[in-house]
Amino acid sequence: MKTSAKPSRHVVRIGLAVALAMAGFGAAWAQPPATAPIALQGSGPYYRLALPLGIHAHAAYGDLRDLRVRNAAGNAVPYAWLRNEAAEPRLASKEVPIFALPASAADASEDASLSFKVRPDGSLALARKPARKQDDAAQWLIDASQLKGSLLQARFEMAPEARGLFAFRLEASDDLRNWRPLGSEEQLVRLAHGGQTIERLAVDLDNVQARFLRLRWSDPKNGAPLTSVAIDSVQEVEPVAPLEWSGALRPERCGADHCDYPLPRGVPVESVRIDLADVNTLAQVGISGLPAAVPSVASEPPRVPRNPLYALRHQQRRPPSSSSGTQGEVPLLDTVVYRLAQAGGEARSPLLALDGTSYSHLRLRTSGPVSLLGATPPTISVAGTPRTLVFLAQGAAPFSLTWSTAPEKNAVQGSAPGAALALATLVPGYNPNKPVSADQATVALPPPLVAAVDAVVAATAQLPVPTQPDPSRKWWLWGALGVGFLLLAGMAWSLFASLRKDRTPAG
């Protein structure tokens, strides 16, 4: 009996160890999916939903392949991604009429010395010449009534001899009576500094839709002598969600001539703002994207870049850059960044348009030592357009959004029930040249996820710059796994041999 008790206790110990190990693996892999409630507006049956960019920091896959929309019963309902199948945006550039306004006019309709008449096509014309000279106008009225679609940017021309920093604010209107502000204070810049000429004469209009714009100089006595204004516009089939901006991102590390900035995972970067820490700093930089070194569990479908402002400013998709010869870098653009003290205020670098691709890092490379960016490296902020989907409200409300927080084995885009469909499948008779008829829906991420976005971004700043995986390490891991299986098989064989010996009757 004593000999049989020992193997029994041995069996119990091994069984407990195996059970605990299996429980540990189960806890590591069987994580419940995250969920967020969806609020509906309108009667449907189709709804358009723009996803907050914060979802990328917590989803298992950058392409959101395992995202599902579920009804009250927990069943997945059909959905499809917007824009990738829609017709390409149509870009247009046109010089528009401009009219000088005096400082005393609250708006064009109250100006006694300047009156307008409306032509049959809806454009404006002066009924009589203004008494005030155009070279010292305190305001300008810009007629964009003949443009179709959304306004991307305004390109200003000044008199050749004009030099300085000219601050202004823009307003938009459709009737010349009710005006709404567009963004914050902007600047037109033409300066000579350190042997370089700095010129900033283009201003983003953030896809606004308006017939008229009004420019007000912040200092009416320091207005630029405008000679013309051209506006670039775009006609998009599907409505575009507004940009979402990240917080300030600090460099992960800096080398002799570059700094690398970690980016939120999966975010399509369409705009970047570089905030120099030191006043009177100017540097020529090349901006590159660093793709993720480790590929996804399954290949992600290529995302269609849909940033028309980038296409306008950079006709070549991959412009030449001083860093183009470095392995792993994707050159995006070359530019001059600056922060200069002037009599009218500080002149700062404008927002920079990028191509809308997701990268693991952005690299700022200087043409000389990285100290050209200042004693303290600058911070950056990035913005992207949230991905938008349309879903069919099948079943009973409320509806919710779910996604995995940990990767699953052999997860492939479109392979599981409830995965995204093609728009032509979801919407019978879908026409790529017409927007999908759908009501609006909104989703709010759970508070812990919203609060954790900045923490996740900050944590990634402690990680090393991604490098290509070492093949020898990969084989070492497989070898260790094989040895572990052999040891487990040996333990099992020893256990069963002991059990058989214990059960054999003594001679």
Protein backbone atom coordinates (compact mmCIF):
# COMPACT_ATOMS: atom_id res chain seq x y z
CA MET A 1 0.00 0.00 0.00
CA LYS A 2 2.86 2.37 0.68
CA THR A 3 4.24 1.88 -2.78
CA SER A 4 0.88 2.74 -4.31
CA ALA A 5 0.44 5.91 -2.24
CA LYS A 6 3.54 7.58 -3.60
CA PRO A 7 2.48 7.41 -7.27
CA SER A 8 -0.98 8.59 -6.28
CA ARG A 9 0.41 11.69 -4.62
CA HIS A 10 2.71 12.16 -7.62
CA VAL A 11 -0.31 11.97 -9.95
CA VAL A 12 -2.17 14.60 -7.90
CA ARG A 13 0.78 17.00 -7.97
CA ILE A 14 1.28 16.65 -11.71
CA GLY A 15 -2.46 17.01 -12.36
CA LEU A 16 -2.61 20.20 -10.31
CA ALA A 17 0.43 21.61 -12.11
CA VAL A 18 -1.05 20.83 -15.53
CA ALA A 19 -4.42 22.32 -14.51
CA LEU A 20 -2.77 25.51 -13.25
CA ALA A 21 -0.71 25.79 -16.43
CA MET A 22 -3.78 25.33 -18.61
CA ALA A 23 -5.67 27.90 -16.54
CA GLY A 24 -2.81 30.35 -17.03
CA PHE A 25 -2.84 29.85 -20.80
CA GLY A 26 -6.61 30.23 -20.82
CA ALA A 27 -6.45 33.49 -18.90
CA ALA A 28 -3.81 34.80 -21.29
CA TRP A 29 -5.69 33.98 -24.48
CA ALA A 30 -9.39 33.89 -23.65
CA GLN A 31 -9.81 37.61 -23.00
CA PRO A 32 -13.37 38.87 -23.43
CA PRO A 33 -13.94 41.34 -26.27
CA ALA A 34 -14.31 45.04 -25.53
CA THR A 35 -17.71 46.60 -26.14
CA ALA A 36 -19.17 50.09 -26.52
CA PRO A 37 -22.83 51.17 -26.91
CA ILE A 38 -24.06 52.73 -30.17
CA ALA A 39 -26.57 55.59 -30.15
CA LEU A 40 -28.88 55.90 -33.18
CA GLN A 41 -30.37 59.02 -34.76
CA GLY A 42 -33.19 58.60 -37.27
CA SER A 43 -35.22 55.64 -38.42
CA GLY A 44 -32.61 53.79 -40.51
CA PRO A 45 -32.47 51.05 -41.61
CA TYR A 46 -28.86 51.98 -42.53
CA TYR A 47 -26.65 53.99 -40.16
CA ARG A 48 -23.30 55.71 -40.72
CA LEU A 49 -20.85 55.40 -37.80
CA ALA A 50 -17.48 57.21 -37.48
CA LEU A 51 -15.14 55.36 -35.10
CA PRO A 52 -13.03 57.29 -32.57
CA LEU A 53 -9.32 57.01 -33.33
CA GLY A 54 -8.75 55.78 -29.77
CA ILE A 55 -10.10 52.36 -30.72
CA HIS A 56 -6.87 51.56 -32.60
CA ALA A 57 -4.80 51.73 -29.40
CA HIS A 58 -6.84 48.94 -27.80
CA ALA A 59 -7.88 46.70 -30.69
CA ALA A 60 -5.90 43.53 -31.43
CA TYR A 61 -5.47 44.42 -35.12
CA GLY A 62 -4.68 47.72 -36.78
CA ASP A 63 -7.18 47.06 -39.58
CA LEU A 64 -10.00 46.26 -37.09
CA ARG A 65 -10.66 42.97 -38.89
CA ASP A 66 -12.47 41.50 -35.87
CA LEU A 67 -14.76 44.47 -35.27
CA ARG A 68 -18.45 43.53 -35.05
CA VAL A 69 -21.74 45.41 -34.71
CA ARG A 70 -24.19 43.48 -32.53
CA ASN A 71 -27.87 43.84 -31.68
CA ALA A 72 -29.62 43.37 -28.34
CA ALA A 73 -29.56 39.57 -28.73
CA GLY A 74 -25.77 39.64 -29.23
CA ASN A 75 -26.00 38.66 -32.91
CA ALA A 76 -23.63 40.29 -35.41
CA VAL A 77 -25.38 42.52 -37.95
CA PRO A 78 -24.09 43.28 -41.50
CA TYR A 79 -21.75 46.25 -42.00
CA ALA A 80 -19.28 47.61 -44.56
CA TRP A 81 -16.47 50.18 -44.60
CA LEU A 82 -17.10 53.45 -46.42
CA ARG A 83 -14.88 55.46 -48.79
CA ASN A 84 -12.53 52.73 -50.02
CA GLU A 85 -15.10 51.71 -52.65
CA ALA A 86 -16.38 55.21 -53.39
CA ALA A 87 -15.30 57.12 -56.49
CA GLU A 88 -12.06 59.07 -56.29
CA PRO A 89 -12.41 62.66 -55.03
CA ARG A 90 -12.43 65.35 -57.71
CA LEU A 91 -9.98 68.20 -57.11
CA ALA A 92 -10.27 71.71 -58.54
CA SER A 93 -8.22 74.90 -58.23
CA LYS A 94 -9.58 78.30 -59.17
CA GLU A 95 -8.73 81.95 -58.65
CA VAL A 96 -11.71 83.65 -57.02
CA PRO A 97 -12.89 87.29 -56.85
CA ILE A 98 -11.83 89.33 -53.82
CA PHE A 99 -13.16 92.69 -52.57
CA ALA A 100 -11.50 95.16 -50.19
CA LEU A 101 -13.60 96.21 -47.19
CA PRO A 102 -13.02 99.10 -44.77
CA ALA A 103 -12.45 98.52 -41.05
CA SER A 104 -15.73 100.21 -40.10
CA ALA A 105 -17.89 97.59 -41.83
CA ALA A 106 -19.27 95.01 -39.42
CA ASP A 107 -20.19 92.95 -42.47
CA ALA A 108 -20.62 93.57 -46.19
CA SER A 109 -24.34 94.34 -45.96
CA GLU A 110 -23.73 97.31 -43.59
CA ASP A 111 -20.98 98.98 -45.63
CA ALA A 112 -22.41 102.23 -47.00
CA SER A 113 -19.50 102.89 -49.37
CA LEU A 114 -19.45 99.41 -50.85
CA SER A 115 -22.50 97.66 -52.29
CA PHE A 116 -22.84 94.42 -54.23
CA LYS A 117 -25.10 93.03 -56.84
CA VAL A 118 -25.71 89.33 -57.42
CA ARG A 119 -25.21 88.01 -60.91
CA PRO A 120 -27.54 85.34 -62.35
CA ASP A 121 -24.99 82.63 -61.53
CA GLY A 122 -24.95 83.67 -57.85
CA SER A 123 -21.56 85.39 -57.83
CA LEU A 124 -20.98 88.90 -56.51
CA ALA A 125 -20.13 92.06 -58.42
CA LEU A 126 -19.48 95.60 -57.23
CA ALA A 127 -22.31 98.02 -57.90
CA ARG A 128 -19.85 100.89 -57.57
CA LYS A 129 -16.18 101.32 -56.87
CA PRO A 130 -15.08 101.57 -53.23
CA ALA A 131 -13.61 104.81 -51.98
CA ARG A 132 -10.93 103.00 -49.97
CA LYS A 133 -7.68 101.83 -51.56
CA GLN A 134 -7.15 98.09 -51.73
CA ASP A 135 -3.54 98.22 -50.51
CA ASP A 136 -4.61 99.34 -47.00
CA ALA A 137 -7.89 97.41 -46.66
CA ALA A 138 -8.67 96.18 -43.14
CA GLN A 139 -10.83 93.28 -44.39
CA TRP A 140 -11.32 91.25 -47.53
CA LEU A 141 -14.41 89.54 -48.87
CA ILE A 142 -13.65 86.34 -50.81
CA ASP A 143 -16.31 85.07 -53.23
CA ALA A 144 -16.22 81.24 -53.33
CA SER A 145 -19.78 80.86 -54.62
CA GLN A 146 -18.72 79.27 -57.91
CA LEU A 147 -16.77 76.45 -56.28
CA LYS A 148 -18.30 73.01 -55.79
CA GLY A 149 -17.68 70.70 -52.87
CA SER A 150 -15.57 71.41 -49.78
CA LEU A 151 -12.87 74.08 -49.56
CA LEU A 152 -9.43 72.61 -48.86
CA GLN A 153 -7.05 75.56 -48.81
CA ALA A 154 -6.70 79.20 -49.81
CA ARG A 155 -3.53 80.35 -51.58
CA PHE A 156 -2.80 84.07 -51.27
CA GLU A 157 -0.63 86.31 -53.43
CA MET A 158 0.86 89.52 -52.00
CA ALA A 159 2.67 92.43 -53.56
CA PRO A 160 6.29 91.37 -54.27
CA GLU A 161 7.76 93.96 -51.92
CA ALA A 162 5.60 92.89 -48.95
CA ARG A 163 7.60 91.55 -45.99
CA GLY A 164 6.51 90.63 -42.52
CA LEU A 165 4.10 88.61 -40.42
CA PHE A 166 0.41 89.28 -41.13
CA ALA A 167 -2.02 87.73 -38.64
CA PHE A 168 -5.71 87.33 -39.50
CA ARG A 169 -8.90 85.41 -38.81
CA LEU A 170 -11.28 83.85 -41.31
CA GLU A 171 -15.07 83.68 -41.21
CA ALA A 172 -17.55 81.88 -43.47
CA SER A 173 -21.07 82.73 -44.61
CA ASP A 174 -23.69 81.69 -47.14
CA ASP A 175 -25.74 84.92 -47.11
CA LEU A 176 -23.28 87.75 -46.20
CA ARG A 177 -25.23 88.35 -42.98
CA ASN A 178 -24.58 85.39 -40.69
CA TRP A 179 -20.88 84.68 -40.20
CA ARG A 180 -19.18 81.82 -38.37
CA PRO A 181 -15.46 81.64 -37.42
CA LEU A 182 -13.10 79.24 -39.16
CA GLY A 183 -10.47 77.91 -36.78
CA SER A 184 -8.11 80.15 -34.82
CA GLU A 185 -5.78 82.96 -35.82
CA GLU A 186 -3.71 82.28 -38.95
CA GLN A 187 -0.68 83.98 -40.46
CA LEU A 188 0.67 84.99 -43.83
CA VAL A 189 4.46 85.02 -43.61
CA ARG A 190 7.22 86.33 -45.84
CA LEU A 191 10.50 86.74 -43.97
CA ALA A 192 14.26 86.63 -44.56
CA HIS A 193 16.13 84.83 -41.77
CA GLY A 194 19.63 83.38 -41.70
CA GLY A 195 20.04 83.72 -45.44
CA GLN A 196 16.77 81.87 -46.12
CA THR A 197 13.46 83.26 -47.28
CA ILE A 198 10.47 81.88 -45.37
CA GLU A 199 7.15 82.11 -47.12
CA ARG A 200 3.81 80.82 -45.94
CA LEU A 201 0.95 81.94 -48.17
CA ALA A 202 -1.40 78.92 -48.03
CA VAL A 203 -3.97 78.32 -45.30
CA ASP A 204 -6.00 75.17 -44.62
CA LEU A 205 -9.78 75.62 -44.79
CA ASP A 206 -10.64 72.28 -43.10
CA ASN A 207 -13.12 71.09 -45.75
CA VAL A 208 -15.57 73.88 -44.97
CA GLN A 209 -18.58 74.37 -47.24
CA ALA A 210 -19.42 78.06 -47.68
CA ARG A 211 -20.22 80.54 -50.46
CA PHE A 212 -18.27 83.45 -48.99
CA LEU A 213 -15.21 83.95 -46.78
CA ARG A 214 -14.19 87.07 -44.92
CA LEU A 215 -10.62 87.82 -43.88
CA ARG A 216 -10.08 90.22 -40.95
CA TRP A 217 -6.56 91.40 -40.17
CA SER A 218 -5.77 91.09 -36.45
CA ASP A 219 -4.00 94.47 -36.69
CA PRO A 220 -5.90 96.54 -39.30
CA LYS A 221 -2.88 98.83 -39.63
CA ASN A 222 -0.64 95.85 -40.50
CA GLY A 223 -2.52 94.15 -43.30
CA ALA A 224 -0.85 92.53 -46.29
CA PRO A 225 -1.44 94.04 -49.74
CA LEU A 226 -3.27 91.15 -51.38
CA THR A 227 -3.24 90.84 -55.15
CA SER A 228 -5.17 87.56 -55.65
CA VAL A 229 -6.61 84.50 -53.89
CA ALA A 230 -6.94 81.00 -55.32
CA ILE A 231 -8.92 78.25 -53.58
CA ASP A 232 -8.48 74.50 -53.93
CA SER A 233 -11.65 72.48 -53.46
CA VAL A 234 -12.63 68.82 -53.49
CA GLN A 235 -15.83 66.94 -54.25
CA GLU A 236 -16.10 63.79 -52.15
CA VAL A 237 -18.83 61.23 -52.73
CA GLU A 238 -19.00 60.21 -49.06
CA PRO A 239 -18.94 62.82 -46.27
CA VAL A 240 -15.61 63.03 -44.48
CA ALA A 241 -15.39 62.89 -40.68
CA PRO A 242 -13.36 65.75 -39.12
CA LEU A 243 -9.75 65.18 -38.14
CA GLU A 244 -8.98 63.95 -34.62
CA TRP A 245 -5.74 65.15 -32.99
CA SER A 246 -3.47 63.29 -30.58
CA GLY A 247 -1.87 64.84 -27.55
CA ALA A 248 1.73 66.05 -27.59
CA LEU A 249 4.15 63.21 -28.48
CA ARG A 250 7.75 63.31 -27.29
CA PRO A 251 10.64 61.63 -29.10
CA GLU A 252 11.43 58.05 -28.17
CA ARG A 253 15.08 58.68 -28.89
CA CYS A 254 17.29 61.08 -30.83
CA GLY A 255 20.40 60.28 -32.83
CA ALA A 256 23.07 62.56 -34.23
CA ASP A 257 20.78 63.92 -36.96
CA HIS A 258 17.26 62.66 -36.23
CA CYS A 259 14.55 62.10 -33.64
CA ASP A 260 11.99 59.26 -33.71
CA TYR A 261 8.44 59.73 -32.41
CA PRO A 262 6.17 56.77 -31.54
CA LEU A 263 2.68 56.99 -33.03
CA PRO A 264 -0.64 55.54 -31.85
CA ARG A 265 -1.00 52.14 -33.49
CA GLY A 266 -3.12 51.91 -36.62
CA VAL A 267 -3.92 55.64 -36.86
CA PRO A 268 -3.88 56.96 -40.47
CA VAL A 269 -1.65 60.04 -40.11
CA GLU A 270 -2.96 62.83 -42.35
CA SER A 271 -1.54 65.88 -40.61
CA VAL A 272 1.34 66.68 -38.25
CA ARG A 273 2.11 69.74 -36.14
CA ILE A 274 5.72 70.32 -35.00
CA ASP A 275 6.02 72.45 -31.86
CA LEU A 276 9.54 73.78 -31.40
CA ALA A 277 10.51 74.41 -27.78
CA ASP A 278 12.93 77.29 -28.37
CA VAL A 279 12.13 80.69 -29.88
CA ASN A 280 14.13 81.83 -32.93
CA THR A 281 14.70 78.30 -34.18
CA LEU A 282 14.73 77.36 -37.87
CA ALA A 283 15.78 74.08 -39.47
CA GLN A 284 15.44 72.16 -42.72
CA VAL A 285 14.00 68.72 -41.94
CA GLY A 286 12.96 65.60 -43.80
CA ILE A 287 9.94 63.73 -42.45
CA SER A 288 9.80 59.96 -42.90
CA GLY A 289 7.51 57.19 -41.75
CA LEU A 290 8.82 54.01 -40.12
CA PRO A 291 6.59 50.98 -40.78
CA ALA A 292 6.05 48.37 -38.09
CA ALA A 293 8.93 45.87 -38.15
CA VAL A 294 6.89 42.86 -37.05
CA PRO A 295 4.10 41.97 -39.51
CA SER A 296 0.53 41.32 -38.39
CA VAL A 297 -0.81 37.84 -37.71
CA ALA A 298 -2.47 38.00 -41.12
CA SER A 299 -1.91 40.40 -43.99
CA GLU A 300 -3.92 43.61 -43.80
CA PRO A 301 -5.65 44.91 -46.94
CA PRO A 302 -4.04 48.04 -48.39
CA ARG A 303 -5.70 51.21 -47.16
CA VAL A 304 -6.56 53.75 -49.84
CA PRO A 305 -4.88 57.12 -49.10
CA ARG A 306 -7.62 59.74 -49.33
CA ASN A 307 -5.90 62.99 -48.35
CA PRO A 308 -6.45 65.42 -51.25
CA LEU A 309 -4.50 68.18 -49.52
CA TYR A 310 -1.40 65.98 -49.53
CA ALA A 311 -1.98 65.23 -53.22
CA LEU A 312 -2.21 68.95 -53.98
CA ARG A 313 0.93 69.95 -52.13
CA HIS A 314 3.03 66.92 -53.07
CA GLN A 315 2.42 65.76 -56.60
CA GLN A 316 4.96 62.95 -56.22
CA ARG A 317 3.74 60.37 -53.74
CA ARG A 318 7.27 59.68 -52.55
CA PRO A 319 9.24 62.92 -52.90
CA PRO A 320 13.05 62.70 -52.75
CA SER A 321 14.48 63.07 -49.27
CA SER A 322 17.89 63.06 -47.67
CA SER A 323 16.83 59.95 -45.72
CA SER A 324 15.60 57.99 -48.71
CA GLY A 325 18.64 55.71 -48.65
CA THR A 326 18.07 54.52 -45.07
CA GLN A 327 16.55 51.07 -44.80
CA GLY A 328 13.04 50.97 -43.38
CA GLU A 329 12.21 54.67 -43.90
CA VAL A 330 9.42 55.90 -46.15
CA PRO A 331 10.22 59.51 -47.17
CA LEU A 332 7.16 61.74 -46.97
CA LEU A 333 8.22 65.37 -47.39
CA ASP A 334 11.00 67.92 -46.92
CA THR A 335 10.18 71.22 -45.26
CA VAL A 336 11.45 74.08 -43.11
CA VAL A 337 10.24 74.24 -39.51
CA TYR A 338 10.55 77.48 -37.59
CA ARG A 339 9.51 79.50 -34.55
CA LEU A 340 10.53 83.13 -34.86
CA ALA A 341 9.81 86.18 -32.72
CA GLN A 342 8.42 89.09 -34.74
CA ALA A 343 6.93 92.49 -33.93
CA GLY A 344 3.42 91.21 -34.71
CA GLY A 345 3.86 88.00 -32.68
CA GLU A 346 5.55 84.63 -33.18
CA ALA A 347 5.77 83.09 -36.62
CA ARG A 348 5.31 79.31 -36.35
CA SER A 349 5.45 76.46 -38.81
CA PRO A 350 2.08 75.58 -40.38
CA LEU A 351 0.37 72.22 -40.15
CA LEU A 352 1.88 69.70 -42.56
CA ALA A 353 -0.27 67.38 -44.67
CA LEU A 354 0.74 63.69 -44.87
CA ASP A 355 -0.57 60.84 -47.00
CA GLY A 356 -2.89 59.15 -44.48
CA THR A 357 -0.86 55.96 -44.00
CA SER A 358 -0.34 54.41 -40.56
CA TYR A 359 3.24 54.10 -39.30
CA SER A 360 4.81 52.94 -36.06
CA HIS A 361 7.04 56.05 -35.87
CA LEU A 362 7.65 59.40 -37.55
CA ARG A 363 11.27 60.42 -38.01
CA LEU A 364 12.42 64.05 -38.17
CA ARG A 365 15.85 64.15 -39.82
CA THR A 366 17.84 67.38 -39.90
CA SER A 367 20.29 68.42 -42.61
CA GLY A 368 22.90 68.95 -39.87
CA PRO A 369 23.14 68.10 -36.17
CA VAL A 370 19.85 67.43 -34.41
CA SER A 371 20.60 70.41 -32.14
CA LEU A 372 19.33 72.57 -35.01
CA LEU A 373 15.87 71.75 -33.65
CA GLY A 374 16.77 73.48 -30.38
CA ALA A 375 18.28 72.56 -27.04
CA THR A 376 15.10 70.62 -26.22
CA PRO A 377 13.70 68.35 -28.96
CA PRO A 378 10.31 69.49 -30.27
CA THR A 379 7.05 67.69 -29.57
CA ILE A 380 4.68 66.71 -32.34
CA SER A 381 0.94 66.11 -32.62
CA VAL A 382 -0.65 64.02 -35.33
CA ALA A 383 -4.19 63.90 -36.70
CA GLY A 384 -6.13 61.36 -38.69
CA THR A 385 -9.57 60.94 -40.19
CA PRO A 386 -11.61 58.34 -38.28
CA ARG A 387 -12.67 55.28 -40.25
CA THR A 388 -16.38 55.22 -41.03
CA LEU A 389 -18.66 52.23 -41.50
CA VAL A 390 -22.30 51.77 -42.43
CA PHE A 391 -24.40 49.01 -40.87
CA LEU A 392 -27.87 47.57 -41.26
CA ALA A 393 -29.95 47.77 -38.06
CA GLN A 394 -31.01 44.14 -38.14
CA GLY A 395 -32.82 42.92 -35.04
CA ALA A 396 -33.76 44.82 -31.90
CA ALA A 397 -31.90 47.75 -30.35
CA PRO A 398 -29.75 48.62 -28.48
CA PHE A 399 -26.79 48.03 -30.76
CA SER A 400 -23.17 47.81 -29.65
CA LEU A 401 -19.69 47.73 -31.10
CA THR A 402 -17.32 44.89 -30.11
CA TRP A 403 -13.70 44.12 -30.92
CA SER A 404 -10.93 41.88 -29.60
CA THR A 405 -8.23 43.20 -27.30
CA ALA A 406 -5.90 40.22 -27.86
CA PRO A 407 -4.94 38.53 -31.14
CA GLU A 408 -6.53 35.26 -32.11
CA LYS A 409 -4.82 32.38 -33.88
CA ASN A 410 -5.29 32.36 -37.67
CA ALA A 411 -7.53 35.46 -37.63
CA VAL A 412 -7.97 36.57 -41.24
CA GLN A 413 -9.81 39.60 -42.59
CA GLY A 414 -13.34 38.61 -43.63
CA SER A 415 -13.01 34.95 -42.61
CA ALA A 416 -15.33 34.92 -39.57
CA PRO A 417 -19.11 35.42 -39.35
CA GLY A 418 -20.09 39.06 -39.01
CA ALA A 419 -16.98 40.41 -40.77
CA ALA A 420 -17.19 43.46 -43.02
CA LEU A 421 -18.98 43.05 -46.34
CA ALA A 422 -18.55 44.85 -49.63
CA LEU A 423 -20.77 47.91 -49.96
CA ALA A 424 -22.39 46.43 -53.08
CA THR A 425 -23.39 43.40 -50.98
CA LEU A 426 -24.65 45.38 -48.02
CA VAL A 427 -26.55 48.00 -50.04
CA PRO A 428 -28.39 46.60 -53.09
CA GLY A 429 -27.94 48.87 -56.11
CA TYR A 430 -24.95 50.67 -54.58
CA ASN A 431 -23.48 53.34 -56.88
CA PRO A 432 -19.87 54.42 -56.16
CA ASN A 433 -20.71 57.90 -57.53
CA LYS A 434 -23.51 58.49 -55.02
CA PRO A 435 -23.36 58.65 -51.21
CA VAL A 436 -24.97 55.87 -49.22
CA SER A 437 -28.34 56.94 -47.82
CA ALA A 438 -27.89 56.39 -44.09
CA ASP A 439 -28.77 58.06 -40.79
CA GLN A 440 -26.16 58.99 -38.21
CA ALA A 441 -24.95 56.82 -35.34
CA THR A 442 -22.37 57.59 -32.65
CA VAL A 443 -20.31 55.46 -30.31
CA ALA A 444 -18.45 56.38 -27.12
CA LEU A 445 -15.52 54.30 -25.94
CA PRO A 446 -15.69 53.05 -22.35
CA PRO A 447 -14.13 55.58 -19.92
CA PRO A 448 -11.19 53.31 -19.00
CA LEU A 449 -10.25 53.07 -22.68
CA VAL A 450 -10.55 56.81 -23.26
CA ALA A 451 -8.37 57.53 -20.22
CA ALA A 452 -5.81 54.94 -21.27
CA VAL A 453 -5.13 56.31 -24.76
CA ASP A 454 -2.49 58.80 -23.61
CA ALA A 455 -1.03 56.22 -21.21
CA VAL A 456 -0.63 53.71 -24.03
CA VAL A 457 1.04 56.30 -26.24
CA ALA A 458 3.35 57.33 -23.38
CA ALA A 459 4.23 53.70 -22.67
CA THR A 460 5.20 53.11 -26.28
CA ALA A 461 7.73 55.91 -25.95
CA GLN A 462 9.81 53.60 -23.72
CA LEU A 463 10.05 50.91 -26.40
CA PRO A 464 13.08 50.66 -28.71
CA VAL A 465 12.83 51.64 -32.35
CA PRO A 466 11.44 48.59 -34.19
CA THR A 467 14.03 46.43 -35.92
CA GLN A 468 13.78 43.43 -38.16
CA PRO A 469 13.34 40.19 -36.14
CA ASP A 470 16.39 37.96 -35.81
CA PRO A 471 15.79 34.63 -37.63
CA SER A 472 18.09 32.78 -35.20
CA ARG A 473 15.91 33.86 -32.27
CA LYS A 474 12.88 32.53 -34.07
CA TRP A 475 14.48 29.06 -34.44
CA TRP A 476 15.65 29.18 -30.81
CA LEU A 477 12.07 29.74 -29.66
CA TRP A 478 10.81 26.85 -31.77
CA GLY A 479 13.58 24.66 -30.33
CA ALA A 480 12.67 25.60 -26.78
CA LEU A 481 9.04 24.81 -27.49
CA GLY A 482 10.00 21.39 -28.90
CA VAL A 483 12.13 20.57 -25.84
CA GLY A 484 9.23 21.52 -23.61
CA PHE A 485 6.91 19.14 -25.43
CA LEU A 486 9.49 16.32 -25.16
CA LEU A 487 9.83 16.88 -21.41
CA LEU A 488 6.05 16.86 -21.01
CA ALA A 489 5.81 13.62 -23.01
CA GLY A 490 8.53 12.04 -20.87
CA MET A 491 6.73 12.99 -17.67
CA ALA A 492 3.51 11.52 -18.99
CA TRP A 493 5.25 8.26 -20.04
CA SER A 494 6.90 7.97 -16.59
CA LEU A 495 3.58 8.56 -14.88
CA PHE A 496 1.73 5.92 -16.87
CA ALA A 497 4.61 3.43 -16.39
CA SER A 498 4.37 3.96 -12.62
CA LEU A 499 0.63 3.41 -12.71
CA ARG A 500 0.99 0.15 -14.67
CA LYS A 501 3.66 -1.10 -12.29
CA ASP A 502 1.53 -0.26 -9.29
CA ARG A 503 -1.45 -2.14 -10.71
CA THR A 504 0.58 -5.29 -11.57
CA PRO A 505 -0.13 -7.97 -8.90
CA ALA A 506 2.88 -9.19 -6.98
CA GLY A 507 4.12 -12.69 -7.83
